[in-house]
Amino acid sequence: MFERQPAKTFRDLLVWQRAHAFVLAVYKATARFPGREIYGLTSQMRRAAISIAANIAEGFAKRGKADKARFMNIAEGSLEESRYYLILSQDLGYGSTGELMELLNEVGRLLKGYSRAIAASV
């Protein structure tokens, strides 16, 4: 049976890898937004996406379970913020967000599982 090795760095975490992929995809998508959105929706979408991956990374380094859980909770909040921005950009006609939403949903599932694992740890 396959046994997963403990992560040595945040980069080893599948949840972080997929969150990072989401950030890259958001940057690519928002590069096509109208120039007038550079300080508006483009900036907000990028910041929220970055916050997901950054909080997973920062939480990984925390020693206490409560600290780790707090950073995962912040990441979950940023995930929902990103979800809204995807809805808004779709409604504004800035492009299809279906693939981004699928990736975000995957990150959400992984983040929920990682948060549960933290809560269940000794």
PDB file of N, CA and C in Angstrom:
ATOM      1  N   MET A   1       0.840  -1.187   0.000  1.00  0.00           N
ATOM      2  CA  MET A   1       0.000   0.000   0.000  1.00  0.00           C
ATOM      3  C   MET A   1       0.882   1.247   0.000  1.00  0.00           C
ATOM      4  N   PHE A   2       0.438   2.279  -0.696  1.00  0.00           N
ATOM      5  CA  PHE A   2       1.171   3.539  -0.806  1.00  0.00           C
ATOM      6  C   PHE A   2       1.048   4.330   0.491  1.00  0.00           C
ATOM      7  N   GLU A   3       2.206   4.701   1.044  1.00  0.00           N
ATOM      8  CA  GLU A   3       2.200   5.517   2.253  1.00  0.00           C
ATOM      9  C   GLU A   3       2.826   6.864   1.917  1.00  0.00           C
ATOM     10  N   ARG A   4       2.101   7.925   2.194  1.00  0.00           N
ATOM     11  CA  ARG A   4       2.572   9.263   1.884  1.00  0.00           C
ATOM     12  C   ARG A   4       3.612   9.707   2.908  1.00  0.00           C
ATOM     13  N   GLN A   5       4.704  10.254   2.403  1.00  0.00           N
ATOM     14  CA  GLN A   5       5.748  10.785   3.270  1.00  0.00           C
ATOM     15  C   GLN A   5       5.308  12.142   3.822  1.00  0.00           C
ATOM     16  N   PRO A   6       5.702  12.458   5.058  1.00  0.00           N
ATOM     17  CA  PRO A   6       5.345  13.765   5.612  1.00  0.00           C
ATOM     18  C   PRO A   6       5.962  14.891   4.776  1.00  0.00           C
ATOM     19  N   ALA A   7       5.234  15.956   4.636  1.00  0.00           N
ATOM     20  CA  ALA A   7       5.725  17.106   3.874  1.00  0.00           C
ATOM     21  C   ALA A   7       6.884  17.757   4.619  1.00  0.00           C
ATOM     22  N   LYS A   8       7.940  18.065   3.880  1.00  0.00           N
ATOM     23  CA  LYS A   8       9.095  18.735   4.480  1.00  0.00           C
ATOM     24  C   LYS A   8       8.961  20.252   4.373  1.00  0.00           C
ATOM     25  N   THR A   9       8.342  20.687   3.279  1.00  0.00           N
ATOM     26  CA  THR A   9       8.080  22.115   3.075  1.00  0.00           C
ATOM     27  C   THR A   9       6.652  22.264   2.566  1.00  0.00           C
ATOM     28  N   PHE A  10       6.164  23.482   2.594  1.00  0.00           N
ATOM     29  CA  PHE A  10       4.810  23.720   2.092  1.00  0.00           C
ATOM     30  C   PHE A  10       4.679  23.327   0.631  1.00  0.00           C
ATOM     31  N   ARG A  11       5.786  23.373  -0.100  1.00  0.00           N
ATOM     32  CA  ARG A  11       5.744  23.023  -1.530  1.00  0.00           C
ATOM     33  C   ARG A  11       5.419  21.552  -1.748  1.00  0.00           C
ATOM     34  N   ASP A  12       5.591  20.726  -0.726  1.00  0.00           N
ATOM     35  CA  ASP A  12       5.268  19.305  -0.817  1.00  0.00           C
ATOM     36  C   ASP A  12       3.768  19.039  -0.677  1.00  0.00           C
ATOM     37  N   LEU A  13       3.028  20.017  -0.196  1.00  0.00           N
ATOM     38  CA  LEU A  13       1.590  19.844   0.038  1.00  0.00           C
ATOM     39  C   LEU A  13       0.817  19.932  -1.279  1.00  0.00           C
ATOM     40  N   LEU A  14       0.020  18.913  -1.565  1.00  0.00           N
ATOM     41  CA  LEU A  14      -0.814  18.934  -2.771  1.00  0.00           C
ATOM     42  C   LEU A  14      -1.755  20.137  -2.758  1.00  0.00           C
ATOM     43  N   VAL A  15      -2.302  20.462  -1.604  1.00  0.00           N
ATOM     44  CA  VAL A  15      -3.227  21.598  -1.519  1.00  0.00           C
ATOM     45  C   VAL A  15      -2.523  22.892  -1.917  1.00  0.00           C
ATOM     46  N   TRP A  16      -1.268  23.069  -1.501  1.00  0.00           N
ATOM     47  CA  TRP A  16      -0.537  24.278  -1.891  1.00  0.00           C
ATOM     48  C   TRP A  16      -0.236  24.252  -3.392  1.00  0.00           C
ATOM     49  N   GLN A  17       0.165  23.098  -3.912  1.00  0.00           N
ATOM     50  CA  GLN A  17       0.483  22.981  -5.341  1.00  0.00           C
ATOM     51  C   GLN A  17      -0.712  23.379  -6.204  1.00  0.00           C
ATOM     52  N   ARG A  18      -1.901  22.907  -5.813  1.00  0.00           N
ATOM     53  CA  ARG A  18      -3.099  23.225  -6.591  1.00  0.00           C
ATOM     54  C   ARG A  18      -3.510  24.699  -6.390  1.00  0.00           C
ATOM     55  N   ALA A  19      -3.309  25.222  -5.173  1.00  0.00           N
ATOM     56  CA  ALA A  19      -3.593  26.634  -4.920  1.00  0.00           C
ATOM     57  C   ALA A  19      -2.649  27.511  -5.743  1.00  0.00           C
ATOM     58  N   HIS A  20      -1.397  27.112  -5.853  1.00  0.00           N
ATOM     59  CA  HIS A  20      -0.435  27.854  -6.667  1.00  0.00           C
ATOM     60  C   HIS A  20      -0.834  27.814  -8.145  1.00  0.00           C
ATOM     61  N   ALA A  21      -1.288  26.656  -8.596  1.00  0.00           N
ATOM     62  CA  ALA A  21      -1.770  26.541  -9.979  1.00  0.00           C
ATOM     63  C   ALA A  21      -2.954  27.483 -10.205  1.00  0.00           C
ATOM     64  N   PHE A  22      -3.806  27.624  -9.195  1.00  0.00           N
ATOM     65  CA  PHE A  22      -4.940  28.545  -9.296  1.00  0.00           C
ATOM     66  C   PHE A  22      -4.444  29.986  -9.421  1.00  0.00           C
ATOM     67  N   VAL A  23      -3.445  30.363  -8.646  1.00  0.00           N
ATOM     68  CA  VAL A  23      -2.884  31.717  -8.732  1.00  0.00           C
ATOM     69  C   VAL A  23      -2.379  31.980 -10.145  1.00  0.00           C
ATOM     70  N   LEU A  24      -1.611  31.048 -10.682  1.00  0.00           N
ATOM     71  CA  LEU A  24      -1.075  31.222 -12.035  1.00  0.00           C
ATOM     72  C   LEU A  24      -2.192  31.360 -13.067  1.00  0.00           C
ATOM     73  N   ALA A  25      -3.242  30.559 -12.906  1.00  0.00           N
ATOM     74  CA  ALA A  25      -4.378  30.623 -13.837  1.00  0.00           C
ATOM     75  C   ALA A  25      -5.120  31.954 -13.702  1.00  0.00           C
ATOM     76  N   VAL A  26      -5.243  32.469 -12.488  1.00  0.00           N
ATOM     77  CA  VAL A  26      -5.908  33.762 -12.277  1.00  0.00           C
ATOM     78  C   VAL A  26      -5.090  34.871 -12.934  1.00  0.00           C
ATOM     79  N   TYR A  27      -3.780  34.833 -12.779  1.00  0.00           N
ATOM     80  CA  TYR A  27      -2.935  35.847 -13.422  1.00  0.00           C
ATOM     81  C   TYR A  27      -3.119  35.820 -14.937  1.00  0.00           C
ATOM     82  N   LYS A  28      -3.157  34.625 -15.502  1.00  0.00           N
ATOM     83  CA  LYS A  28      -3.326  34.488 -16.949  1.00  0.00           C
ATOM     84  C   LYS A  28      -4.690  35.033 -17.384  1.00  0.00           C
ATOM     85  N   ALA A  29      -5.733  34.673 -16.641  1.00  0.00           N
ATOM     86  CA  ALA A  29      -7.086  35.121 -16.992  1.00  0.00           C
ATOM     87  C   ALA A  29      -7.238  36.631 -16.848  1.00  0.00           C
ATOM     88  N   THR A  30      -6.716  37.194 -15.774  1.00  0.00           N
ATOM     89  CA  THR A  30      -6.903  38.625 -15.525  1.00  0.00           C
ATOM     90  C   THR A  30      -6.040  39.489 -16.439  1.00  0.00           C
ATOM     91  N   ALA A  31      -5.021  38.904 -17.054  1.00  0.00           N
ATOM     92  CA  ALA A  31      -4.208  39.652 -18.018  1.00  0.00           C
ATOM     93  C   ALA A  31      -5.045  40.079 -19.223  1.00  0.00           C
ATOM     94  N   ARG A  32      -6.165  39.394 -19.435  1.00  0.00           N
ATOM     95  CA  ARG A  32      -7.056  39.706 -20.565  1.00  0.00           C
ATOM     96  C   ARG A  32      -8.188  40.663 -20.170  1.00  0.00           C
ATOM     97  N   PHE A  33      -8.245  41.053 -18.898  1.00  0.00           N
ATOM     98  CA  PHE A  33      -9.300  41.965 -18.448  1.00  0.00           C
ATOM     99  C   PHE A  33      -9.050  43.361 -19.030  1.00  0.00           C
ATOM    100  N   PRO A  34     -10.101  44.163 -19.105  1.00  0.00           N
ATOM    101  CA  PRO A  34      -9.915  45.537 -19.586  1.00  0.00           C
ATOM    102  C   PRO A  34      -8.921  46.297 -18.704  1.00  0.00           C
ATOM    103  N   GLY A  35      -8.168  47.191 -19.320  1.00  0.00           N
ATOM    104  CA  GLY A  35      -7.180  47.979 -18.595  1.00  0.00           C
ATOM    105  C   GLY A  35      -7.764  48.772 -17.449  1.00  0.00           C
ATOM    106  N   ARG A  36      -9.020  49.171 -17.584  1.00  0.00           N
ATOM    107  CA  ARG A  36      -9.654  49.967 -16.518  1.00  0.00           C
ATOM    108  C   ARG A  36      -9.816  49.171 -15.220  1.00  0.00           C
ATOM    109  N   GLU A  37      -9.647  47.847 -15.290  1.00  0.00           N
ATOM    110  CA  GLU A  37      -9.793  46.997 -14.103  1.00  0.00           C
ATOM    111  C   GLU A  37      -8.479  46.740 -13.371  1.00  0.00           C
ATOM    112  N   ILE A  38      -7.370  47.315 -13.858  1.00  0.00           N
ATOM    113  CA  ILE A  38      -6.071  47.006 -13.271  1.00  0.00           C
ATOM    114  C   ILE A  38      -6.020  47.297 -11.772  1.00  0.00           C
ATOM    115  N   TYR A  39      -6.664  48.365 -11.327  1.00  0.00           N
ATOM    116  CA  TYR A  39      -6.667  48.693  -9.903  1.00  0.00           C
ATOM    117  C   TYR A  39      -7.947  48.247  -9.217  1.00  0.00           C
ATOM    118  N   GLY A  40      -8.807  47.611  -9.968  1.00  0.00           N
ATOM    119  CA  GLY A  40     -10.069  47.131  -9.425  1.00  0.00           C
ATOM    120  C   GLY A  40     -10.099  45.619  -9.352  1.00  0.00           C
ATOM    121  N   LEU A  41     -10.919  45.032 -10.186  1.00  0.00           N
ATOM    122  CA  LEU A  41     -11.144  43.587 -10.119  1.00  0.00           C
ATOM    123  C   LEU A  41      -9.878  42.766 -10.366  1.00  0.00           C
ATOM    124  N   THR A  42      -9.039  43.191 -11.300  1.00  0.00           N
ATOM    125  CA  THR A  42      -7.801  42.455 -11.566  1.00  0.00           C
ATOM    126  C   THR A  42      -6.960  42.346 -10.301  1.00  0.00           C
ATOM    127  N   SER A  43      -6.749  43.467  -9.653  1.00  0.00           N
ATOM    128  CA  SER A  43      -5.950  43.494  -8.427  1.00  0.00           C
ATOM    129  C   SER A  43      -6.589  42.669  -7.315  1.00  0.00           C
ATOM    130  N   GLN A  44      -7.893  42.819  -7.133  1.00  0.00           N
ATOM    131  CA  GLN A  44      -8.590  42.092  -6.063  1.00  0.00           C
ATOM    132  C   GLN A  44      -8.553  40.588  -6.285  1.00  0.00           C
ATOM    133  N   MET A  45      -8.769  40.160  -7.531  1.00  0.00           N
ATOM    134  CA  MET A  45      -8.750  38.724  -7.838  1.00  0.00           C
ATOM    135  C   MET A  45      -7.373  38.129  -7.580  1.00  0.00           C
ATOM    136  N   ARG A  46      -6.360  38.846  -7.988  1.00  0.00           N
ATOM    137  CA  ARG A  46      -5.003  38.345  -7.801  1.00  0.00           C
ATOM    138  C   ARG A  46      -4.651  38.274  -6.320  1.00  0.00           C
ATOM    139  N   ARG A  47      -5.005  39.288  -5.575  1.00  0.00           N
ATOM    140  CA  ARG A  47      -4.700  39.310  -4.144  1.00  0.00           C
ATOM    141  C   ARG A  47      -5.406  38.168  -3.405  1.00  0.00           C
ATOM    142  N   ALA A  48      -6.667  37.944  -3.718  1.00  0.00           N
ATOM    143  CA  ALA A  48      -7.416  36.876  -3.053  1.00  0.00           C
ATOM    144  C   ALA A  48      -6.830  35.508  -3.394  1.00  0.00           C
ATOM    145  N   ALA A  49      -6.483  35.301  -4.664  1.00  0.00           N
ATOM    146  CA  ALA A  49      -5.898  34.025  -5.079  1.00  0.00           C
ATOM    147  C   ALA A  49      -4.553  33.802  -4.388  1.00  0.00           C
ATOM    148  N   ILE A  50      -3.723  34.826  -4.366  1.00  0.00           N
ATOM    149  CA  ILE A  50      -2.421  34.726  -3.710  1.00  0.00           C
ATOM    150  C   ILE A  50      -2.597  34.406  -2.231  1.00  0.00           C
ATOM    151  N   SER A  51      -3.598  35.010  -1.613  1.00  0.00           N
ATOM    152  CA  SER A  51      -3.837  34.818  -0.187  1.00  0.00           C
ATOM    153  C   SER A  51      -4.122  33.362   0.156  1.00  0.00           C
ATOM    154  N   ILE A  52      -4.777  32.642  -0.735  1.00  0.00           N
ATOM    155  CA  ILE A  52      -5.048  31.222  -0.481  1.00  0.00           C
ATOM    156  C   ILE A  52      -3.730  30.476  -0.325  1.00  0.00           C
ATOM    157  N   ALA A  53      -2.880  30.556  -1.348  1.00  0.00           N
ATOM    158  CA  ALA A  53      -1.610  29.827  -1.333  1.00  0.00           C
ATOM    159  C   ALA A  53      -0.673  30.349  -0.245  1.00  0.00           C
ATOM    160  N   ALA A  54      -0.639  31.652  -0.046  1.00  0.00           N
ATOM    161  CA  ALA A  54       0.265  32.241   0.945  1.00  0.00           C
ATOM    162  C   ALA A  54      -0.104  31.822   2.367  1.00  0.00           C
ATOM    163  N   ASN A  55      -1.382  31.761   2.671  1.00  0.00           N
ATOM    164  CA  ASN A  55      -1.796  31.362   4.011  1.00  0.00           C
ATOM    165  C   ASN A  55      -1.585  29.876   4.261  1.00  0.00           C
ATOM    166  N   ILE A  56      -1.712  29.067   3.231  1.00  0.00           N
ATOM    167  CA  ILE A  56      -1.373  27.649   3.369  1.00  0.00           C
ATOM    168  C   ILE A  56       0.116  27.522   3.685  1.00  0.00           C
ATOM    169  N   ALA A  57       0.944  28.272   2.960  1.00  0.00           N
ATOM    170  CA  ALA A  57       2.390  28.239   3.181  1.00  0.00           C
ATOM    171  C   ALA A  57       2.743  28.726   4.584  1.00  0.00           C
ATOM    172  N   GLU A  58       2.167  29.848   4.981  1.00  0.00           N
ATOM    173  CA  GLU A  58       2.471  30.395   6.298  1.00  0.00           C
ATOM    174  C   GLU A  58       1.984  29.477   7.412  1.00  0.00           C
ATOM    175  N   GLY A  59       0.796  28.933   7.252  1.00  0.00           N
ATOM    176  CA  GLY A  59       0.252  28.019   8.250  1.00  0.00           C
ATOM    177  C   GLY A  59       1.077  26.758   8.400  1.00  0.00           C
ATOM    178  N   PHE A  60       1.666  26.307   7.308  1.00  0.00           N
ATOM    179  CA  PHE A  60       2.503  25.104   7.356  1.00  0.00           C
ATOM    180  C   PHE A  60       3.649  25.268   8.354  1.00  0.00           C
ATOM    181  N   ALA A  61       4.191  26.469   8.434  1.00  0.00           N
ATOM    182  CA  ALA A  61       5.349  26.722   9.300  1.00  0.00           C
ATOM    183  C   ALA A  61       4.983  26.911  10.763  1.00  0.00           C
ATOM    184  N   LYS A  62       3.715  27.086  11.057  1.00  0.00           N
ATOM    185  CA  LYS A  62       3.301  27.289  12.446  1.00  0.00           C
ATOM    186  C   LYS A  62       3.385  25.985  13.206  1.00  0.00           C
ATOM    187  N   ARG A  63       3.774  26.062  14.460  1.00  0.00           N
ATOM    188  CA  ARG A  63       3.956  24.841  15.257  1.00  0.00           C
ATOM    189  C   ARG A  63       2.677  24.382  15.935  1.00  0.00           C
ATOM    190  N   GLY A  64       1.902  25.296  16.442  1.00  0.00           N
ATOM    191  CA  GLY A  64       0.702  24.924  17.172  1.00  0.00           C
ATOM    192  C   GLY A  64      -0.466  24.618  16.256  1.00  0.00           C
ATOM    193  N   LYS A  65      -1.266  23.660  16.683  1.00  0.00           N
ATOM    194  CA  LYS A  65      -2.444  23.266  15.903  1.00  0.00           C
ATOM    195  C   LYS A  65      -3.402  24.445  15.716  1.00  0.00           C
ATOM    196  N   ALA A  66      -3.612  25.238  16.758  1.00  0.00           N
ATOM    197  CA  ALA A  66      -4.526  26.381  16.667  1.00  0.00           C
ATOM    198  C   ALA A  66      -4.022  27.414  15.657  1.00  0.00           C
ATOM    199  N   ASP A  67      -2.711  27.664  15.647  1.00  0.00           N
ATOM    200  CA  ASP A  67      -2.138  28.605  14.671  1.00  0.00           C
ATOM    201  C   ASP A  67      -2.303  28.080  13.251  1.00  0.00           C
ATOM    202  N   LYS A  68      -1.991  26.795  13.061  1.00  0.00           N
ATOM    203  CA  LYS A  68      -2.150  26.195  11.734  1.00  0.00           C
ATOM    204  C   LYS A  68      -3.602  26.316  11.264  1.00  0.00           C
ATOM    205  N   ALA A  69      -4.531  25.973  12.154  1.00  0.00           N
ATOM    206  CA  ALA A  69      -5.957  26.012  11.809  1.00  0.00           C
ATOM    207  C   ALA A  69      -6.397  27.436  11.453  1.00  0.00           C
ATOM    208  N   ARG A  70      -5.872  28.425  12.167  1.00  0.00           N
ATOM    209  CA  ARG A  70      -6.244  29.824  11.903  1.00  0.00           C
ATOM    210  C   ARG A  70      -5.836  30.233  10.491  1.00  0.00           C
ATOM    211  N   PHE A  71      -4.626  29.861  10.080  1.00  0.00           N
ATOM    212  CA  PHE A  71      -4.180  30.222   8.736  1.00  0.00           C
ATOM    213  C   PHE A  71      -4.966  29.473   7.656  1.00  0.00           C
ATOM    214  N   MET A  72      -5.356  28.227   7.939  1.00  0.00           N
ATOM    215  CA  MET A  72      -6.175  27.495   6.970  1.00  0.00           C
ATOM    216  C   MET A  72      -7.554  28.146   6.865  1.00  0.00           C
ATOM    217  N   ASN A  73      -8.062  28.653   7.981  1.00  0.00           N
ATOM    218  CA  ASN A  73      -9.346  29.337   7.970  1.00  0.00           C
ATOM    219  C   ASN A  73      -9.269  30.626   7.156  1.00  0.00           C
ATOM    220  N   ILE A  74      -8.175  31.345   7.277  1.00  0.00           N
ATOM    221  CA  ILE A  74      -7.983  32.553   6.469  1.00  0.00           C
ATOM    222  C   ILE A  74      -7.930  32.177   4.991  1.00  0.00           C
ATOM    223  N   ALA A  75      -7.219  31.089   4.676  1.00  0.00           N
ATOM    224  CA  ALA A  75      -7.150  30.617   3.289  1.00  0.00           C
ATOM    225  C   ALA A  75      -8.550  30.277   2.770  1.00  0.00           C
ATOM    226  N   GLU A  76      -9.369  29.641   3.627  1.00  0.00           N
ATOM    227  CA  GLU A  76     -10.747  29.302   3.223  1.00  0.00           C
ATOM    228  C   GLU A  76     -11.562  30.565   2.947  1.00  0.00           C
ATOM    229  N   GLY A  77     -11.354  31.597   3.746  1.00  0.00           N
ATOM    230  CA  GLY A  77     -12.042  32.867   3.498  1.00  0.00           C
ATOM    231  C   GLY A  77     -11.628  33.474   2.169  1.00  0.00           C
ATOM    232  N   SER A  78     -10.339  33.444   1.875  1.00  0.00           N
ATOM    233  CA  SER A  78      -9.844  33.962   0.599  1.00  0.00           C
ATOM    234  C   SER A  78     -10.352  33.130  -0.567  1.00  0.00           C
ATOM    235  N   LEU A  79     -10.531  31.842  -0.343  1.00  0.00           N
ATOM    236  CA  LEU A  79     -11.081  30.967  -1.376  1.00  0.00           C
ATOM    237  C   LEU A  79     -12.499  31.405  -1.733  1.00  0.00           C
ATOM    238  N   GLU A  80     -13.306  31.697  -0.725  1.00  0.00           N
ATOM    239  CA  GLU A  80     -14.677  32.140  -0.998  1.00  0.00           C
ATOM    240  C   GLU A  80     -14.705  33.526  -1.635  1.00  0.00           C
ATOM    241  N   GLU A  81     -13.774  34.373  -1.240  1.00  0.00           N
ATOM    242  CA  GLU A  81     -13.650  35.684  -1.886  1.00  0.00           C
ATOM    243  C   GLU A  81     -13.325  35.492  -3.364  1.00  0.00           C
ATOM    244  N   SER A  82     -12.409  34.579  -3.659  1.00  0.00           N
ATOM    245  CA  SER A  82     -12.055  34.274  -5.048  1.00  0.00           C
ATOM    246  C   SER A  82     -13.255  33.736  -5.814  1.00  0.00           C
ATOM    247  N   ARG A  83     -14.054  32.909  -5.151  1.00  0.00           N
ATOM    248  CA  ARG A  83     -15.254  32.366  -5.788  1.00  0.00           C
ATOM    249  C   ARG A  83     -16.176  33.504  -6.248  1.00  0.00           C
ATOM    250  N   TYR A  84     -16.359  34.497  -5.377  1.00  0.00           N
ATOM    251  CA  TYR A  84     -17.213  35.629  -5.757  1.00  0.00           C
ATOM    252  C   TYR A  84     -16.622  36.390  -6.944  1.00  0.00           C
ATOM    253  N   TYR A  85     -15.312  36.624  -6.942  1.00  0.00           N
ATOM    254  CA  TYR A  85     -14.698  37.362  -8.040  1.00  0.00           C
ATOM    255  C   TYR A  85     -14.836  36.612  -9.362  1.00  0.00           C
ATOM    256  N   LEU A  86     -14.799  35.298  -9.319  1.00  0.00           N
ATOM    257  CA  LEU A  86     -15.021  34.525 -10.546  1.00  0.00           C
ATOM    258  C   LEU A  86     -16.444  34.716 -11.054  1.00  0.00           C
ATOM    259  N   ILE A  87     -17.407  34.704 -10.137  1.00  0.00           N
ATOM    260  CA  ILE A  87     -18.807  34.943 -10.517  1.00  0.00           C
ATOM    261  C   ILE A  87     -18.950  36.337 -11.121  1.00  0.00           C
ATOM    262  N   LEU A  88     -18.363  37.328 -10.458  1.00  0.00           N
ATOM    263  CA  LEU A  88     -18.470  38.713 -10.925  1.00  0.00           C
ATOM    264  C   LEU A  88     -17.826  38.897 -12.293  1.00  0.00           C
ATOM    265  N   SER A  89     -16.624  38.358 -12.480  1.00  0.00           N
ATOM    266  CA  SER A  89     -15.959  38.543 -13.766  1.00  0.00           C
ATOM    267  C   SER A  89     -16.728  37.857 -14.894  1.00  0.00           C
ATOM    268  N   GLN A  90     -17.341  36.714 -14.600  1.00  0.00           N
ATOM    269  CA  GLN A  90     -18.186  36.036 -15.590  1.00  0.00           C
ATOM    270  C   GLN A  90     -19.396  36.921 -15.926  1.00  0.00           C
ATOM    271  N   ASP A  91     -20.040  37.444 -14.891  1.00  0.00           N
ATOM    272  CA  ASP A  91     -21.228  38.279 -15.097  1.00  0.00           C
ATOM    273  C   ASP A  91     -20.910  39.581 -15.820  1.00  0.00           C
ATOM    274  N   LEU A  92     -19.689  40.090 -15.664  1.00  0.00           N
ATOM    275  CA  LEU A  92     -19.275  41.308 -16.366  1.00  0.00           C
ATOM    276  C   LEU A  92     -18.845  41.032 -17.805  1.00  0.00           C
ATOM    277  N   GLY A  93     -18.802  39.755 -18.183  1.00  0.00           N
ATOM    278  CA  GLY A  93     -18.455  39.392 -19.550  1.00  0.00           C
ATOM    279  C   GLY A  93     -16.961  39.413 -19.828  1.00  0.00           C
ATOM    280  N   TYR A  94     -16.143  39.225 -18.797  1.00  0.00           N
ATOM    281  CA  TYR A  94     -14.699  39.261 -18.972  1.00  0.00           C
ATOM    282  C   TYR A  94     -14.117  37.914 -19.361  1.00  0.00           C
ATOM    283  N   GLY A  95     -14.959  36.940 -19.611  1.00  0.00           N
ATOM    284  CA  GLY A  95     -14.495  35.628 -20.054  1.00  0.00           C
ATOM    285  C   GLY A  95     -15.117  34.521 -19.224  1.00  0.00           C
ATOM    286  N   SER A  96     -15.016  33.321 -19.762  1.00  0.00           N
ATOM    287  CA  SER A  96     -15.555  32.156 -19.081  1.00  0.00           C
ATOM    288  C   SER A  96     -14.665  31.799 -17.884  1.00  0.00           C
ATOM    289  N   THR A  97     -15.294  31.476 -16.779  1.00  0.00           N
ATOM    290  CA  THR A  97     -14.533  31.141 -15.578  1.00  0.00           C
ATOM    291  C   THR A  97     -14.746  29.685 -15.141  1.00  0.00           C
ATOM    292  N   GLY A  98     -15.323  28.877 -16.023  1.00  0.00           N
ATOM    293  CA  GLY A  98     -15.620  27.490 -15.671  1.00  0.00           C
ATOM    294  C   GLY A  98     -14.410  26.694 -15.229  1.00  0.00           C
ATOM    295  N   GLU A  99     -13.317  26.771 -15.976  1.00  0.00           N
ATOM    296  CA  GLU A  99     -12.112  26.012 -15.616  1.00  0.00           C
ATOM    297  C   GLU A  99     -11.505  26.531 -14.315  1.00  0.00           C
ATOM    298  N   LEU A 100     -11.511  27.846 -14.153  1.00  0.00           N
ATOM    299  CA  LEU A 100     -11.001  28.421 -12.903  1.00  0.00           C
ATOM    300  C   LEU A 100     -11.846  27.973 -11.720  1.00  0.00           C
ATOM    301  N   MET A 101     -13.160  27.925 -11.918  1.00  0.00           N
ATOM    302  CA  MET A 101     -14.051  27.506 -10.837  1.00  0.00           C
ATOM    303  C   MET A 101     -13.816  26.037 -10.487  1.00  0.00           C
ATOM    304  N   GLU A 102     -13.578  25.203 -11.486  1.00  0.00           N
ATOM    305  CA  GLU A 102     -13.284  23.788 -11.219  1.00  0.00           C
ATOM    306  C   GLU A 102     -11.999  23.650 -10.403  1.00  0.00           C
ATOM    307  N   LEU A 103     -10.977  24.403 -10.769  1.00  0.00           N
ATOM    308  CA  LEU A 103      -9.719  24.361 -10.037  1.00  0.00           C
ATOM    309  C   LEU A 103      -9.907  24.881  -8.616  1.00  0.00           C
ATOM    310  N   LEU A 104     -10.675  25.951  -8.477  1.00  0.00           N
ATOM    311  CA  LEU A 104     -10.952  26.499  -7.147  1.00  0.00           C
ATOM    312  C   LEU A 104     -11.722  25.494  -6.291  1.00  0.00           C
ATOM    313  N   ASN A 105     -12.668  24.798  -6.882  1.00  0.00           N
ATOM    314  CA  ASN A 105     -13.414  23.772  -6.145  1.00  0.00           C
ATOM    315  C   ASN A 105     -12.485  22.658  -5.662  1.00  0.00           C
ATOM    316  N   GLU A 106     -11.539  22.275  -6.521  1.00  0.00           N
ATOM    317  CA  GLU A 106     -10.563  21.254  -6.129  1.00  0.00           C
ATOM    318  C   GLU A 106      -9.725  21.746  -4.945  1.00  0.00           C
ATOM    319  N   VAL A 107      -9.250  22.985  -5.026  1.00  0.00           N
ATOM    320  CA  VAL A 107      -8.472  23.560  -3.928  1.00  0.00           C
ATOM    321  C   VAL A 107      -9.319  23.563  -2.653  1.00  0.00           C
ATOM    322  N   GLY A 108     -10.587  23.917  -2.778  1.00  0.00           N
ATOM    323  CA  GLY A 108     -11.480  23.938  -1.622  1.00  0.00           C
ATOM    324  C   GLY A 108     -11.621  22.575  -0.968  1.00  0.00           C
ATOM    325  N   ARG A 109     -11.780  21.540  -1.776  1.00  0.00           N
ATOM    326  CA  ARG A 109     -11.888  20.177  -1.232  1.00  0.00           C
ATOM    327  C   ARG A 109     -10.596  19.771  -0.525  1.00  0.00           C
ATOM    328  N   LEU A 110      -9.466  20.045  -1.156  1.00  0.00           N
ATOM    329  CA  LEU A 110      -8.179  19.702  -0.561  1.00  0.00           C
ATOM    330  C   LEU A 110      -7.930  20.492   0.719  1.00  0.00           C
ATOM    331  N   LEU A 111      -8.293  21.760   0.706  1.00  0.00           N
ATOM    332  CA  LEU A 111      -8.100  22.609   1.880  1.00  0.00           C
ATOM    333  C   LEU A 111      -8.968  22.141   3.042  1.00  0.00           C
ATOM    334  N   LYS A 112     -10.187  21.764   2.736  1.00  0.00           N
ATOM    335  CA  LYS A 112     -11.077  21.238   3.771  1.00  0.00           C
ATOM    336  C   LYS A 112     -10.487  19.963   4.378  1.00  0.00           C
ATOM    337  N   GLY A 113      -9.975  19.085   3.539  1.00  0.00           N
ATOM    338  CA  GLY A 113      -9.360  17.852   4.029  1.00  0.00           C
ATOM    339  C   GLY A 113      -8.115  18.124   4.856  1.00  0.00           C
ATOM    340  N   TYR A 114      -7.295  19.060   4.414  1.00  0.00           N
ATOM    341  CA  TYR A 114      -6.083  19.407   5.161  1.00  0.00           C
ATOM    342  C   TYR A 114      -6.449  20.022   6.501  1.00  0.00           C
ATOM    343  N   SER A 115      -7.461  20.865   6.516  1.00  0.00           N
ATOM    344  CA  SER A 115      -7.918  21.475   7.772  1.00  0.00           C
ATOM    345  C   SER A 115      -8.429  20.407   8.742  1.00  0.00           C
ATOM    346  N   ARG A 116      -9.166  19.432   8.212  1.00  0.00           N
ATOM    347  CA  ARG A 116      -9.640  18.335   9.049  1.00  0.00           C
ATOM    348  C   ARG A 116      -8.484  17.523   9.629  1.00  0.00           C
ATOM    349  N   ALA A 117      -7.474  17.288   8.807  1.00  0.00           N
ATOM    350  CA  ALA A 117      -6.298  16.535   9.253  1.00  0.00           C
ATOM    351  C   ALA A 117      -5.573  17.281  10.359  1.00  0.00           C
ATOM    352  N   ILE A 118      -5.488  18.588  10.249  1.00  0.00           N
ATOM    353  CA  ILE A 118      -4.854  19.397  11.299  1.00  0.00           C
ATOM    354  C   ILE A 118      -5.656  19.269  12.587  1.00  0.00           C
ATOM    355  N   ALA A 119      -6.965  19.400  12.467  1.00  0.00           N
ATOM    356  CA  ALA A 119      -7.839  19.324  13.658  1.00  0.00           C
ATOM    357  C   ALA A 119      -7.744  17.955  14.331  1.00  0.00           C
ATOM    358  N   ALA A 120      -7.563  16.903  13.551  1.00  0.00           N
ATOM    359  CA  ALA A 120      -7.512  15.549  14.089  1.00  0.00           C
ATOM    360  C   ALA A 120      -6.129  15.150  14.601  1.00  0.00           C
ATOM    361  N   SER A 121      -5.115  15.974  14.295  1.00  0.00           N
ATOM    362  CA  SER A 121      -3.755  15.620  14.700  1.00  0.00           C
ATOM    363  C   SER A 121      -3.547  15.767  16.192  1.00  0.00           C
ATOM    364  N   VAL A 122      -2.547  15.081  16.665  1.00  0.00           N
ATOM    365  CA  VAL A 122      -2.240  15.094  18.108  1.00  0.00           C
ATOM    366  C   VAL A 122      -1.432  16.310  18.482  1.00  0.00           C
TER     367      VAL A 122
END
